[in-house]
Amino acid sequence: MKRITLLLLITVFFSCKKENQFISRNIKSVTVETILQDSLLSIRAIDILNDKSLAFAANNGAFGLYNPKTKLWQISVQKYDTLNLHFRAIAHTSTDFFMLSIENPALLFKTGDTGKMELVYKEAGAGVFYDAMTFWNDNEGIAVGDSTNGCLSIIITRDSGQTWQKLPCENLSKAEIGEGAFAASNTNIKVLGNKTWIATTSGNVYFSEDKGVSWDVVNTPIVQDKATEGIYSIDFYDEQNGFAIGGDYTNPDVNTANKIKTTDGGKTWILVAENQIPNYKSCVQYIPNRKGNELVVVGFNGIDFSMDSGESWKHISDENFYSIRFLNDSVAYASGAERISKLTFRE
């Protein structure tokens, strides 16, 4: 009797263990529902706010907010003198929305008390070009731009976005010639807790463990021989596991040395899926709550999916997008040329 009881307990134990084992999904398709169509817009920056509404900023000074409950858009145009503003970097806190223009002068706006966007930072000068922005918390945020005066352009706020200060070059490593970041999808920066990773056109990953006070730089094996090559997008599932993708948008069929991953927080990076898809892509995102196993990449050449932490991939759609953000583990918003769409991923 004791032996039978013991066998039953062992069977139950291993059965429960097997049931609790995580199994990656085999996503086979994606349904695309366009929720905004505008032939004048090129939309590279989207952001899901705390209330699950969707914000965007684009070219022609356009920015807007989508309410998923009413399925209605509020769209405005930001003006400044006679400039035709082009936004590729946006971010939010629990109370405010921010958008940062590319090119010279760089203009950073935040929601104001009057209901209109107000200018909180301006930078003018040769080579000024900002690419991505995010916040660690409601008080502290960061934006990155191309190198000027010998180092990357990094601006930081510690007062909820009211004021921004540019890091002096003595606080950063000397930039490589022409080093910057691609303003392709607002995913050159990833923050988790106090940690920050910035990916550059030179294939470097800048890392800070103290919210931008001090920085180290790691060179990765991603392709970086031309000005149009390097890392276009970076994401981390947790503080150890990260993935980055890039390539060359002028030669988008090449898939050599354009995908890298880390399992030690970015200290070292290895090439994966060599000479296999995905080819060039502009944005990578981990699917939330999937143990870091499932990733999606998008670009103007379609959508690819991985169920094994980026080791192998399959092409699931020819739909073209620049950027993607997940609402949950099955639904995302994606933006691209002339549209924003809601994506539903299916097994």
C-alpha atoms as a PDB file:
ATOM      1  CA  MET A   1       0.000   0.000   0.000  1.00  0.00           C
ATOM      2  CA  LYS A   2       2.801   2.429   0.904  1.00  0.00           C
ATOM      3  CA  ARG A   3       4.515   1.695  -2.398  1.00  0.00           C
ATOM      4  CA  ILE A   4       1.331   2.370  -4.370  1.00  0.00           C
ATOM      5  CA  THR A   5       0.784   5.646  -2.483  1.00  0.00           C
ATOM      6  CA  LEU A   6       4.348   6.712  -3.192  1.00  0.00           C
ATOM      7  CA  LEU A   7       3.967   5.951  -6.883  1.00  0.00           C
ATOM      8  CA  LEU A   8       0.770   7.973  -7.004  1.00  0.00           C
ATOM      9  CA  LEU A   9       2.471  10.957  -5.339  1.00  0.00           C
ATOM     10  CA  ILE A  10       5.372  10.798  -7.801  1.00  0.00           C
ATOM     11  CA  THR A  11       2.955  10.601 -10.729  1.00  0.00           C
ATOM     12  CA  VAL A  12       0.954  13.595  -9.482  1.00  0.00           C
ATOM     13  CA  PHE A  13       4.150  15.603  -8.863  1.00  0.00           C
ATOM     14  CA  PHE A  14       5.517  15.113 -12.339  1.00  0.00           C
ATOM     15  CA  SER A  15       2.095  15.611 -13.925  1.00  0.00           C
ATOM     16  CA  CYS A  16       1.744  18.987 -12.166  1.00  0.00           C
ATOM     17  CA  LYS A  17       5.291  19.922 -13.131  1.00  0.00           C
ATOM     18  CA  LYS A  18       4.551  19.140 -16.756  1.00  0.00           C
ATOM     19  CA  GLU A  19       1.328  21.155 -16.670  1.00  0.00           C
ATOM     20  CA  ASN A  20       3.181  24.186 -15.287  1.00  0.00           C
ATOM     21  CA  GLN A  21       5.888  24.028 -17.944  1.00  0.00           C
ATOM     22  CA  PHE A  22       5.776  27.059 -20.245  1.00  0.00           C
ATOM     23  CA  ILE A  23       5.087  26.264 -23.882  1.00  0.00           C
ATOM     24  CA  SER A  24       5.711  28.861 -26.578  1.00  0.00           C
ATOM     25  CA  ARG A  25       2.898  29.506 -28.998  1.00  0.00           C
ATOM     26  CA  ASN A  26       3.269  28.884 -32.706  1.00  0.00           C
ATOM     27  CA  ILE A  27       1.860  32.113 -34.096  1.00  0.00           C
ATOM     28  CA  LYS A  28       0.875  31.492 -37.706  1.00  0.00           C
ATOM     29  CA  SER A  29      -0.954  34.610 -38.812  1.00  0.00           C
ATOM     30  CA  VAL A  30      -1.843  38.173 -37.940  1.00  0.00           C
ATOM     31  CA  THR A  31      -5.083  40.015 -38.627  1.00  0.00           C
ATOM     32  CA  VAL A  32      -4.647  43.676 -39.557  1.00  0.00           C
ATOM     33  CA  GLU A  33      -7.366  46.243 -38.879  1.00  0.00           C
ATOM     34  CA  THR A  34      -6.490  49.767 -39.977  1.00  0.00           C
ATOM     35  CA  ILE A  35      -7.734  52.336 -37.449  1.00  0.00           C
ATOM     36  CA  LEU A  36      -6.194  55.469 -38.981  1.00  0.00           C
ATOM     37  CA  GLN A  37      -5.569  56.176 -42.670  1.00  0.00           C
ATOM     38  CA  ASP A  38      -3.976  59.383 -43.922  1.00  0.00           C
ATOM     39  CA  SER A  39      -2.053  59.657 -47.184  1.00  0.00           C
ATOM     40  CA  LEU A  40      -0.058  62.639 -45.882  1.00  0.00           C
ATOM     41  CA  LEU A  41       1.387  60.915 -42.808  1.00  0.00           C
ATOM     42  CA  SER A  42       4.481  58.816 -42.170  1.00  0.00           C
ATOM     43  CA  ILE A  43       4.126  57.538 -38.606  1.00  0.00           C
ATOM     44  CA  ARG A  44       7.218  56.180 -36.829  1.00  0.00           C
ATOM     45  CA  ALA A  45       6.355  56.937 -33.198  1.00  0.00           C
ATOM     46  CA  ILE A  46       3.456  55.387 -31.263  1.00  0.00           C
ATOM     47  CA  ASP A  47       2.957  54.917 -27.534  1.00  0.00           C
ATOM     48  CA  ILE A  48       0.337  53.109 -25.437  1.00  0.00           C
ATOM     49  CA  LEU A  49      -0.620  55.303 -22.498  1.00  0.00           C
ATOM     50  CA  ASN A  50      -1.511  54.174 -18.975  1.00  0.00           C
ATOM     51  CA  ASP A  51      -5.243  54.162 -19.725  1.00  0.00           C
ATOM     52  CA  LYS A  52      -4.616  51.947 -22.826  1.00  0.00           C
ATOM     53  CA  SER A  53      -5.286  54.789 -25.247  1.00  0.00           C
ATOM     54  CA  LEU A  54      -2.867  55.162 -28.141  1.00  0.00           C
ATOM     55  CA  ALA A  55      -0.805  58.263 -28.925  1.00  0.00           C
ATOM     56  CA  PHE A  56       1.217  59.064 -32.027  1.00  0.00           C
ATOM     57  CA  ALA A  57       3.304  61.836 -33.537  1.00  0.00           C
ATOM     58  CA  ALA A  58       4.396  62.039 -37.153  1.00  0.00           C
ATOM     59  CA  ASN A  59       5.488  64.300 -39.985  1.00  0.00           C
ATOM     60  CA  ASN A  60       3.740  67.539 -40.951  1.00  0.00           C
ATOM     61  CA  GLY A  61       3.518  68.400 -37.249  1.00  0.00           C
ATOM     62  CA  ALA A  62       0.704  65.884 -36.751  1.00  0.00           C
ATOM     63  CA  PHE A  63       0.013  64.167 -33.442  1.00  0.00           C
ATOM     64  CA  GLY A  64      -3.024  62.481 -31.991  1.00  0.00           C
ATOM     65  CA  LEU A  65      -4.772  60.271 -29.477  1.00  0.00           C
ATOM     66  CA  TYR A  66      -6.979  57.221 -30.071  1.00  0.00           C
ATOM     67  CA  ASN A  67      -9.669  56.139 -27.615  1.00  0.00           C
ATOM     68  CA  PRO A  68     -10.167  52.359 -28.046  1.00  0.00           C
ATOM     69  CA  LYS A  69     -13.519  52.473 -26.230  1.00  0.00           C
ATOM     70  CA  THR A  70     -15.121  55.029 -28.537  1.00  0.00           C
ATOM     71  CA  LYS A  71     -12.820  54.209 -31.484  1.00  0.00           C
ATOM     72  CA  LEU A  72     -12.416  57.940 -32.074  1.00  0.00           C
ATOM     73  CA  TRP A  73      -9.291  59.984 -32.849  1.00  0.00           C
ATOM     74  CA  GLN A  74      -8.325  63.462 -31.682  1.00  0.00           C
ATOM     75  CA  ILE A  75      -5.702  64.803 -34.089  1.00  0.00           C
ATOM     76  CA  SER A  76      -3.876  68.130 -33.984  1.00  0.00           C
ATOM     77  CA  VAL A  77      -1.005  69.885 -35.742  1.00  0.00           C
ATOM     78  CA  GLN A  78       1.873  71.370 -33.770  1.00  0.00           C
ATOM     79  CA  LYS A  79       3.256  74.606 -35.202  1.00  0.00           C
ATOM     80  CA  TYR A  80       6.449  76.496 -34.442  1.00  0.00           C
ATOM     81  CA  ASP A  81       7.308  79.577 -36.514  1.00  0.00           C
ATOM     82  CA  THR A  82       7.301  78.503 -40.165  1.00  0.00           C
ATOM     83  CA  LEU A  83       8.870  75.068 -39.578  1.00  0.00           C
ATOM     84  CA  ASN A  84       7.311  71.883 -40.908  1.00  0.00           C
ATOM     85  CA  LEU A  85       7.889  69.714 -37.826  1.00  0.00           C
ATOM     86  CA  HIS A  86       8.600  66.007 -38.083  1.00  0.00           C
ATOM     87  CA  PHE A  87       8.272  63.911 -34.924  1.00  0.00           C
ATOM     88  CA  ARG A  88       9.857  60.470 -34.517  1.00  0.00           C
ATOM     89  CA  ALA A  89      10.312  60.359 -30.735  1.00  0.00           C
ATOM     90  CA  ILE A  90       7.475  60.365 -28.193  1.00  0.00           C
ATOM     91  CA  ALA A  91       7.031  59.279 -24.570  1.00  0.00           C
ATOM     92  CA  HIS A  92       4.639  59.621 -21.665  1.00  0.00           C
ATOM     93  CA  THR A  93       4.334  59.715 -17.904  1.00  0.00           C
ATOM     94  CA  SER A  94       1.171  59.089 -15.913  1.00  0.00           C
ATOM     95  CA  THR A  95       0.192  62.726 -16.398  1.00  0.00           C
ATOM     96  CA  ASP A  96       1.909  64.067 -19.527  1.00  0.00           C
ATOM     97  CA  PHE A  97       2.687  63.329 -23.176  1.00  0.00           C
ATOM     98  CA  PHE A  98       5.963  64.359 -24.835  1.00  0.00           C
ATOM     99  CA  MET A  99       7.102  64.608 -28.450  1.00  0.00           C
ATOM    100  CA  LEU A 100      10.498  65.559 -29.851  1.00  0.00           C
ATOM    101  CA  SER A 101      11.191  66.741 -33.393  1.00  0.00           C
ATOM    102  CA  ILE A 102      14.056  65.621 -35.591  1.00  0.00           C
ATOM    103  CA  GLU A 103      16.555  67.911 -37.310  1.00  0.00           C
ATOM    104  CA  ASN A 104      17.787  71.384 -36.408  1.00  0.00           C
ATOM    105  CA  PRO A 105      16.397  72.902 -34.248  1.00  0.00           C
ATOM    106  CA  ALA A 106      15.254  70.054 -32.017  1.00  0.00           C
ATOM    107  CA  LEU A 107      12.012  70.976 -30.266  1.00  0.00           C
ATOM    108  CA  LEU A 108      10.614  69.032 -27.304  1.00  0.00           C
ATOM    109  CA  PHE A 109       6.984  69.618 -26.351  1.00  0.00           C
ATOM    110  CA  LYS A 110       4.917  68.424 -23.379  1.00  0.00           C
ATOM    111  CA  THR A 111       1.254  68.705 -22.531  1.00  0.00           C
ATOM    112  CA  GLY A 112       0.604  72.003 -20.794  1.00  0.00           C
ATOM    113  CA  ASP A 113      -1.876  73.244 -18.227  1.00  0.00           C
ATOM    114  CA  THR A 114      -3.773  75.145 -20.924  1.00  0.00           C
ATOM    115  CA  GLY A 115      -4.530  71.991 -22.876  1.00  0.00           C
ATOM    116  CA  LYS A 116      -2.016  72.845 -25.588  1.00  0.00           C
ATOM    117  CA  MET A 117       1.480  71.443 -26.071  1.00  0.00           C
ATOM    118  CA  GLU A 118       4.202  73.717 -24.694  1.00  0.00           C
ATOM    119  CA  LEU A 119       7.882  73.897 -25.606  1.00  0.00           C
ATOM    120  CA  VAL A 120      10.171  72.719 -22.777  1.00  0.00           C
ATOM    121  CA  TYR A 121      13.480  72.203 -24.628  1.00  0.00           C
ATOM    122  CA  LYS A 122      15.107  73.616 -27.749  1.00  0.00           C
ATOM    123  CA  GLU A 123      18.502  72.786 -29.196  1.00  0.00           C
ATOM    124  CA  ALA A 124      20.003  74.334 -32.307  1.00  0.00           C
ATOM    125  CA  GLY A 125      23.304  73.575 -33.981  1.00  0.00           C
ATOM    126  CA  ALA A 126      25.056  71.640 -36.706  1.00  0.00           C
ATOM    127  CA  GLY A 127      24.263  67.921 -36.632  1.00  0.00           C
ATOM    128  CA  VAL A 128      21.356  68.162 -34.171  1.00  0.00           C
ATOM    129  CA  PHE A 129      19.002  65.227 -34.805  1.00  0.00           C
ATOM    130  CA  TYR A 130      17.107  63.398 -32.049  1.00  0.00           C
ATOM    131  CA  ASP A 131      15.900  59.841 -32.533  1.00  0.00           C
ATOM    132  CA  ALA A 132      14.169  58.283 -29.497  1.00  0.00           C
ATOM    133  CA  MET A 133      12.789  59.116 -26.059  1.00  0.00           C
ATOM    134  CA  THR A 134      11.412  57.310 -22.984  1.00  0.00           C
ATOM    135  CA  PHE A 135      10.901  57.689 -19.217  1.00  0.00           C
ATOM    136  CA  TRP A 136      12.213  55.652 -16.290  1.00  0.00           C
ATOM    137  CA  ASN A 137       9.418  56.940 -14.064  1.00  0.00           C
ATOM    138  CA  ASP A 138       7.120  59.945 -13.717  1.00  0.00           C
ATOM    139  CA  ASN A 139      10.038  62.214 -12.797  1.00  0.00           C
ATOM    140  CA  GLU A 140      12.975  61.034 -14.895  1.00  0.00           C
ATOM    141  CA  GLY A 141      13.239  60.690 -18.661  1.00  0.00           C
ATOM    142  CA  ILE A 142      15.821  60.469 -21.420  1.00  0.00           C
ATOM    143  CA  ALA A 143      16.188  61.174 -25.132  1.00  0.00           C
ATOM    144  CA  VAL A 144      19.042  60.294 -27.484  1.00  0.00           C
ATOM    145  CA  GLY A 145      20.247  61.879 -30.685  1.00  0.00           C
ATOM    146  CA  ASP A 146      23.097  61.740 -33.168  1.00  0.00           C
ATOM    147  CA  SER A 147      26.577  62.676 -32.027  1.00  0.00           C
ATOM    148  CA  THR A 148      27.567  66.326 -31.802  1.00  0.00           C
ATOM    149  CA  ASN A 149      30.862  67.752 -30.536  1.00  0.00           C
ATOM    150  CA  GLY A 150      32.350  64.257 -30.363  1.00  0.00           C
ATOM    151  CA  CYS A 151      29.760  62.346 -28.334  1.00  0.00           C
ATOM    152  CA  LEU A 152      26.194  61.087 -28.513  1.00  0.00           C
ATOM    153  CA  SER A 153      23.527  63.669 -27.789  1.00  0.00           C
ATOM    154  CA  ILE A 154      21.723  62.606 -24.604  1.00  0.00           C
ATOM    155  CA  ILE A 155      19.290  64.849 -22.741  1.00  0.00           C
ATOM    156  CA  ILE A 156      17.769  63.971 -19.362  1.00  0.00           C
ATOM    157  CA  THR A 157      14.994  65.364 -17.188  1.00  0.00           C
ATOM    158  CA  ARG A 158      14.729  64.878 -13.407  1.00  0.00           C
ATOM    159  CA  ASP A 159      11.699  67.120 -12.834  1.00  0.00           C
ATOM    160  CA  SER A 160       8.877  65.405 -14.734  1.00  0.00           C
ATOM    161  CA  GLY A 161       9.891  66.888 -18.069  1.00  0.00           C
ATOM    162  CA  GLN A 162       9.720  70.553 -17.078  1.00  0.00           C
ATOM    163  CA  THR A 163      13.421  71.043 -17.882  1.00  0.00           C
ATOM    164  CA  TRP A 164      16.001  68.971 -19.785  1.00  0.00           C
ATOM    165  CA  GLN A 165      19.790  69.033 -19.566  1.00  0.00           C
ATOM    166  CA  LYS A 166      22.252  67.715 -22.120  1.00  0.00           C
ATOM    167  CA  LEU A 167      24.976  65.428 -20.797  1.00  0.00           C
ATOM    168  CA  PRO A 168      28.464  66.909 -21.275  1.00  0.00           C
ATOM    169  CA  CYS A 169      30.803  64.896 -23.481  1.00  0.00           C
ATOM    170  CA  GLU A 170      33.149  64.265 -20.559  1.00  0.00           C
ATOM    171  CA  ASN A 171      30.407  62.035 -19.084  1.00  0.00           C
ATOM    172  CA  LEU A 172      30.291  59.864 -22.215  1.00  0.00           C
ATOM    173  CA  SER A 173      32.643  57.830 -24.359  1.00  0.00           C
ATOM    174  CA  LYS A 174      33.973  59.467 -27.489  1.00  0.00           C
ATOM    175  CA  ALA A 175      31.623  58.753 -30.363  1.00  0.00           C
ATOM    176  CA  GLU A 176      32.761  56.965 -33.477  1.00  0.00           C
ATOM    177  CA  ILE A 177      32.796  59.058 -36.641  1.00  0.00           C
ATOM    178  CA  GLY A 178      29.202  59.672 -37.694  1.00  0.00           C
ATOM    179  CA  GLU A 179      27.762  57.668 -34.785  1.00  0.00           C
ATOM    180  CA  GLY A 180      24.139  58.263 -34.000  1.00  0.00           C
ATOM    181  CA  ALA A 181      20.870  56.388 -33.766  1.00  0.00           C
ATOM    182  CA  PHE A 182      18.293  55.520 -36.414  1.00  0.00           C
ATOM    183  CA  ALA A 183      15.048  57.452 -36.069  1.00  0.00           C
ATOM    184  CA  ALA A 184      13.150  54.466 -37.426  1.00  0.00           C
ATOM    185  CA  SER A 185      10.713  53.439 -34.677  1.00  0.00           C
ATOM    186  CA  ASN A 186      11.512  55.231 -31.388  1.00  0.00           C
ATOM    187  CA  THR A 187      13.088  51.995 -30.097  1.00  0.00           C
ATOM    188  CA  ASN A 188      16.769  52.911 -29.859  1.00  0.00           C
ATOM    189  CA  ILE A 189      16.338  53.164 -26.070  1.00  0.00           C
ATOM    190  CA  LYS A 190      15.142  50.540 -23.585  1.00  0.00           C
ATOM    191  CA  VAL A 191      14.784  51.144 -19.843  1.00  0.00           C
ATOM    192  CA  LEU A 192      14.041  48.676 -17.041  1.00  0.00           C
ATOM    193  CA  GLY A 193      14.206  49.857 -13.445  1.00  0.00           C
ATOM    194  CA  ASN A 194      17.305  52.028 -13.182  1.00  0.00           C
ATOM    195  CA  LYS A 195      18.970  50.426 -16.215  1.00  0.00           C
ATOM    196  CA  THR A 196      19.188  51.886 -19.692  1.00  0.00           C
ATOM    197  CA  TRP A 197      20.380  50.550 -23.042  1.00  0.00           C
ATOM    198  CA  ILE A 198      20.931  52.733 -26.121  1.00  0.00           C
ATOM    199  CA  ALA A 199      21.646  51.189 -29.545  1.00  0.00           C
ATOM    200  CA  THR A 200      23.600  53.104 -32.185  1.00  0.00           C
ATOM    201  CA  THR A 201      24.328  53.185 -35.890  1.00  0.00           C
ATOM    202  CA  SER A 202      27.895  52.043 -35.151  1.00  0.00           C
ATOM    203  CA  GLY A 203      26.649  48.776 -33.646  1.00  0.00           C
ATOM    204  CA  ASN A 204      27.386  49.927 -30.111  1.00  0.00           C
ATOM    205  CA  VAL A 205      25.179  49.506 -27.053  1.00  0.00           C
ATOM    206  CA  TYR A 206      25.547  52.227 -24.424  1.00  0.00           C
ATOM    207  CA  PHE A 207      24.607  50.974 -20.949  1.00  0.00           C
ATOM    208  CA  SER A 208      23.815  52.808 -17.720  1.00  0.00           C
ATOM    209  CA  GLU A 209      22.787  51.132 -14.465  1.00  0.00           C
ATOM    210  CA  ASP A 210      22.054  54.410 -12.647  1.00  0.00           C
ATOM    211  CA  LYS A 211      19.492  56.178 -14.865  1.00  0.00           C
ATOM    212  CA  GLY A 212      22.009  57.936 -17.065  1.00  0.00           C
ATOM    213  CA  VAL A 213      24.546  59.162 -14.519  1.00  0.00           C
ATOM    214  CA  SER A 214      27.374  56.911 -15.736  1.00  0.00           C
ATOM    215  CA  TRP A 215      27.811  54.974 -18.976  1.00  0.00           C
ATOM    216  CA  ASP A 216      29.689  52.016 -20.452  1.00  0.00           C
ATOM    217  CA  VAL A 217      29.850  51.029 -24.117  1.00  0.00           C
ATOM    218  CA  VAL A 218      29.848  47.554 -25.664  1.00  0.00           C
ATOM    219  CA  ASN A 219      30.606  46.960 -29.334  1.00  0.00           C
ATOM    220  CA  THR A 220      28.411  44.252 -30.869  1.00  0.00           C
ATOM    221  CA  PRO A 221      28.978  41.997 -33.895  1.00  0.00           C
ATOM    222  CA  ILE A 222      26.066  43.483 -35.854  1.00  0.00           C
ATOM    223  CA  VAL A 223      26.820  44.720 -39.372  1.00  0.00           C
ATOM    224  CA  GLN A 224      28.107  48.305 -39.271  1.00  0.00           C
ATOM    225  CA  ASP A 225      30.262  48.891 -42.341  1.00  0.00           C
ATOM    226  CA  LYS A 226      28.120  51.606 -43.934  1.00  0.00           C
ATOM    227  CA  ALA A 227      26.262  54.655 -42.667  1.00  0.00           C
ATOM    228  CA  THR A 228      22.945  52.923 -43.375  1.00  0.00           C
ATOM    229  CA  GLU A 229      23.898  49.837 -41.322  1.00  0.00           C
ATOM    230  CA  GLY A 230      23.867  49.233 -37.570  1.00  0.00           C
ATOM    231  CA  ILE A 231      21.291  48.602 -34.850  1.00  0.00           C
ATOM    232  CA  TYR A 232      17.859  49.990 -35.669  1.00  0.00           C
ATOM    233  CA  SER A 233      15.930  48.677 -32.653  1.00  0.00           C
ATOM    234  CA  ILE A 234      16.595  47.134 -29.244  1.00  0.00           C
ATOM    235  CA  ASP A 235      14.364  45.543 -26.617  1.00  0.00           C
ATOM    236  CA  PHE A 236      14.829  43.722 -23.304  1.00  0.00           C
ATOM    237  CA  TYR A 237      12.385  41.261 -21.781  1.00  0.00           C
ATOM    238  CA  ASP A 238      14.062  41.521 -18.374  1.00  0.00           C
ATOM    239  CA  GLU A 239      17.359  42.841 -17.070  1.00  0.00           C
ATOM    240  CA  GLN A 240      19.297  39.908 -18.556  1.00  0.00           C
ATOM    241  CA  ASN A 241      17.640  38.964 -21.843  1.00  0.00           C
ATOM    242  CA  GLY A 242      17.682  41.346 -24.766  1.00  0.00           C
ATOM    243  CA  PHE A 243      17.480  41.383 -28.547  1.00  0.00           C
ATOM    244  CA  ALA A 244      18.479  43.880 -31.212  1.00  0.00           C
ATOM    245  CA  ILE A 245      17.942  44.000 -34.957  1.00  0.00           C
ATOM    246  CA  GLY A 246      19.030  46.113 -37.859  1.00  0.00           C
ATOM    247  CA  GLY A 247      20.766  45.670 -41.165  1.00  0.00           C
ATOM    248  CA  ASP A 248      20.627  48.086 -44.070  1.00  0.00           C
ATOM    249  CA  TYR A 249      17.367  49.694 -45.183  1.00  0.00           C
ATOM    250  CA  THR A 250      18.922  50.441 -48.589  1.00  0.00           C
ATOM    251  CA  ASN A 251      19.602  46.710 -49.044  1.00  0.00           C
ATOM    252  CA  PRO A 252      16.704  45.115 -47.150  1.00  0.00           C
ATOM    253  CA  ASP A 253      17.123  41.567 -48.504  1.00  0.00           C
ATOM    254  CA  VAL A 254      20.419  40.994 -46.693  1.00  0.00           C
ATOM    255  CA  ASN A 255      20.142  38.911 -43.503  1.00  0.00           C
ATOM    256  CA  THR A 256      23.796  38.519 -42.553  1.00  0.00           C
ATOM    257  CA  ALA A 257      24.942  39.841 -39.150  1.00  0.00           C
ATOM    258  CA  ASN A 258      21.762  41.827 -38.544  1.00  0.00           C
ATOM    259  CA  LYS A 259      20.323  40.032 -35.479  1.00  0.00           C
ATOM    260  CA  ILE A 260      21.945  39.821 -32.033  1.00  0.00           C
ATOM    261  CA  LYS A 261      20.901  38.702 -28.560  1.00  0.00           C
ATOM    262  CA  THR A 262      22.242  38.858 -25.014  1.00  0.00           C
ATOM    263  CA  THR A 263      21.565  36.780 -21.914  1.00  0.00           C
ATOM    264  CA  ASP A 264      23.824  38.713 -19.534  1.00  0.00           C
ATOM    265  CA  GLY A 265      22.260  42.148 -19.532  1.00  0.00           C
ATOM    266  CA  GLY A 266      24.104  43.391 -22.591  1.00  0.00           C
ATOM    267  CA  LYS A 267      27.667  42.684 -21.483  1.00  0.00           C
ATOM    268  CA  THR A 268      28.076  40.343 -24.452  1.00  0.00           C
ATOM    269  CA  TRP A 269      26.099  39.894 -27.660  1.00  0.00           C
ATOM    270  CA  ILE A 270      26.005  37.024 -30.153  1.00  0.00           C
ATOM    271  CA  LEU A 271      24.750  36.775 -33.714  1.00  0.00           C
ATOM    272  CA  VAL A 272      21.675  34.593 -34.215  1.00  0.00           C
ATOM    273  CA  ALA A 273      19.723  33.262 -37.212  1.00  0.00           C
ATOM    274  CA  GLU A 274      22.671  33.971 -39.508  1.00  0.00           C
ATOM    275  CA  ASN A 275      21.753  34.145 -43.200  1.00  0.00           C
ATOM    276  CA  GLN A 276      18.141  33.439 -42.278  1.00  0.00           C
ATOM    277  CA  ILE A 277      15.109  35.683 -41.942  1.00  0.00           C
ATOM    278  CA  PRO A 278      14.405  38.261 -40.685  1.00  0.00           C
ATOM    279  CA  ASN A 279      16.150  40.507 -43.166  1.00  0.00           C
ATOM    280  CA  TYR A 280      16.356  44.234 -42.394  1.00  0.00           C
ATOM    281  CA  LYS A 281      13.716  45.321 -39.857  1.00  0.00           C
ATOM    282  CA  SER A 282      13.117  48.653 -38.128  1.00  0.00           C
ATOM    283  CA  CYS A 283      11.539  47.481 -34.846  1.00  0.00           C
ATOM    284  CA  VAL A 284      11.694  44.501 -32.472  1.00  0.00           C
ATOM    285  CA  GLN A 285       9.471  43.890 -29.449  1.00  0.00           C
ATOM    286  CA  TYR A 286       9.158  41.042 -26.974  1.00  0.00           C
ATOM    287  CA  ILE A 287       5.586  39.837 -26.636  1.00  0.00           C
ATOM    288  CA  PRO A 288       4.614  40.571 -23.006  1.00  0.00           C
ATOM    289  CA  ASN A 289       4.121  37.774 -20.463  1.00  0.00           C
ATOM    290  CA  ARG A 290       5.659  35.125 -22.720  1.00  0.00           C
ATOM    291  CA  LYS A 291       8.848  34.406 -20.731  1.00  0.00           C
ATOM    292  CA  GLY A 292      11.076  36.136 -23.279  1.00  0.00           C
ATOM    293  CA  ASN A 293      10.519  33.318 -25.771  1.00  0.00           C
ATOM    294  CA  GLU A 294       8.278  35.150 -28.219  1.00  0.00           C
ATOM    295  CA  LEU A 295       9.328  38.168 -30.282  1.00  0.00           C
ATOM    296  CA  VAL A 296       7.945  40.083 -33.240  1.00  0.00           C
ATOM    297  CA  VAL A 297       9.830  42.268 -35.712  1.00  0.00           C
ATOM    298  CA  VAL A 298       8.298  44.646 -38.249  1.00  0.00           C
ATOM    299  CA  GLY A 299       9.587  46.623 -41.204  1.00  0.00           C
ATOM    300  CA  PHE A 300       8.517  47.878 -44.596  1.00  0.00           C
ATOM    301  CA  ASN A 301       9.135  44.301 -45.797  1.00  0.00           C
ATOM    302  CA  GLY A 302       6.676  42.558 -43.459  1.00  0.00           C
ATOM    303  CA  ILE A 303       6.248  40.925 -40.060  1.00  0.00           C
ATOM    304  CA  ASP A 304       8.264  38.009 -38.616  1.00  0.00           C
ATOM    305  CA  PHE A 305       7.782  35.954 -35.439  1.00  0.00           C
ATOM    306  CA  SER A 306      10.083  33.897 -33.183  1.00  0.00           C
ATOM    307  CA  MET A 307       9.008  31.369 -30.551  1.00  0.00           C
ATOM    308  CA  ASP A 308      12.522  30.491 -29.328  1.00  0.00           C
ATOM    309  CA  SER A 309      13.994  33.771 -28.083  1.00  0.00           C
ATOM    310  CA  GLY A 310      15.129  34.841 -31.529  1.00  0.00           C
ATOM    311  CA  GLU A 311      17.101  31.760 -32.535  1.00  0.00           C
ATOM    312  CA  SER A 312      14.805  31.055 -35.487  1.00  0.00           C
ATOM    313  CA  TRP A 313      11.995  32.955 -37.191  1.00  0.00           C
ATOM    314  CA  LYS A 314       9.144  32.647 -39.620  1.00  0.00           C
ATOM    315  CA  HIS A 315       7.495  35.207 -41.876  1.00  0.00           C
ATOM    316  CA  ILE A 316       3.833  35.656 -40.974  1.00  0.00           C
ATOM    317  CA  SER A 317       2.751  38.698 -42.987  1.00  0.00           C
ATOM    318  CA  ASP A 318       3.779  40.966 -45.861  1.00  0.00           C
ATOM    319  CA  GLU A 319       2.037  43.939 -44.199  1.00  0.00           C
ATOM    320  CA  ASN A 320       4.506  46.820 -43.877  1.00  0.00           C
ATOM    321  CA  PHE A 321       5.011  48.850 -40.715  1.00  0.00           C
ATOM    322  CA  TYR A 322       7.741  50.930 -39.081  1.00  0.00           C
ATOM    323  CA  SER A 323       6.918  50.400 -35.408  1.00  0.00           C
ATOM    324  CA  ILE A 324       4.875  48.148 -33.104  1.00  0.00           C
ATOM    325  CA  ARG A 325       3.727  48.217 -29.456  1.00  0.00           C
ATOM    326  CA  PHE A 326       1.903  45.391 -27.682  1.00  0.00           C
ATOM    327  CA  LEU A 327      -1.306  45.973 -25.739  1.00  0.00           C
ATOM    328  CA  ASN A 328      -1.250  42.400 -24.382  1.00  0.00           C
ATOM    329  CA  ASP A 329       0.120  39.035 -25.460  1.00  0.00           C
ATOM    330  CA  SER A 330      -2.073  38.823 -28.568  1.00  0.00           C
ATOM    331  CA  VAL A 331      -2.953  42.382 -29.626  1.00  0.00           C
ATOM    332  CA  ALA A 332      -0.668  45.202 -30.743  1.00  0.00           C
ATOM    333  CA  TYR A 333      -0.750  48.542 -32.511  1.00  0.00           C
ATOM    334  CA  ALA A 334       1.565  49.168 -35.449  1.00  0.00           C
ATOM    335  CA  SER A 335       2.339  52.306 -37.448  1.00  0.00           C
ATOM    336  CA  GLY A 336       3.771  52.912 -40.872  1.00  0.00           C
ATOM    337  CA  ALA A 337       3.358  54.830 -44.090  1.00  0.00           C
ATOM    338  CA  GLU A 338      -0.064  56.507 -44.129  1.00  0.00           C
ATOM    339  CA  ARG A 339      -1.632  54.380 -41.384  1.00  0.00           C
ATOM    340  CA  ILE A 340      -1.910  52.965 -37.884  1.00  0.00           C
ATOM    341  CA  SER A 341      -3.366  49.472 -37.481  1.00  0.00           C
ATOM    342  CA  LYS A 342      -4.522  47.104 -34.779  1.00  0.00           C
ATOM    343  CA  LEU A 343      -2.839  43.711 -35.062  1.00  0.00           C
ATOM    344  CA  THR A 344      -4.209  40.469 -33.660  1.00  0.00           C
ATOM    345  CA  PHE A 345      -1.815  37.522 -33.580  1.00  0.00           C
ATOM    346  CA  ARG A 346      -3.258  34.019 -33.959  1.00  0.00           C
ATOM    347  CA  GLU A 347      -1.975  30.466 -33.580  1.00  0.00           C
END
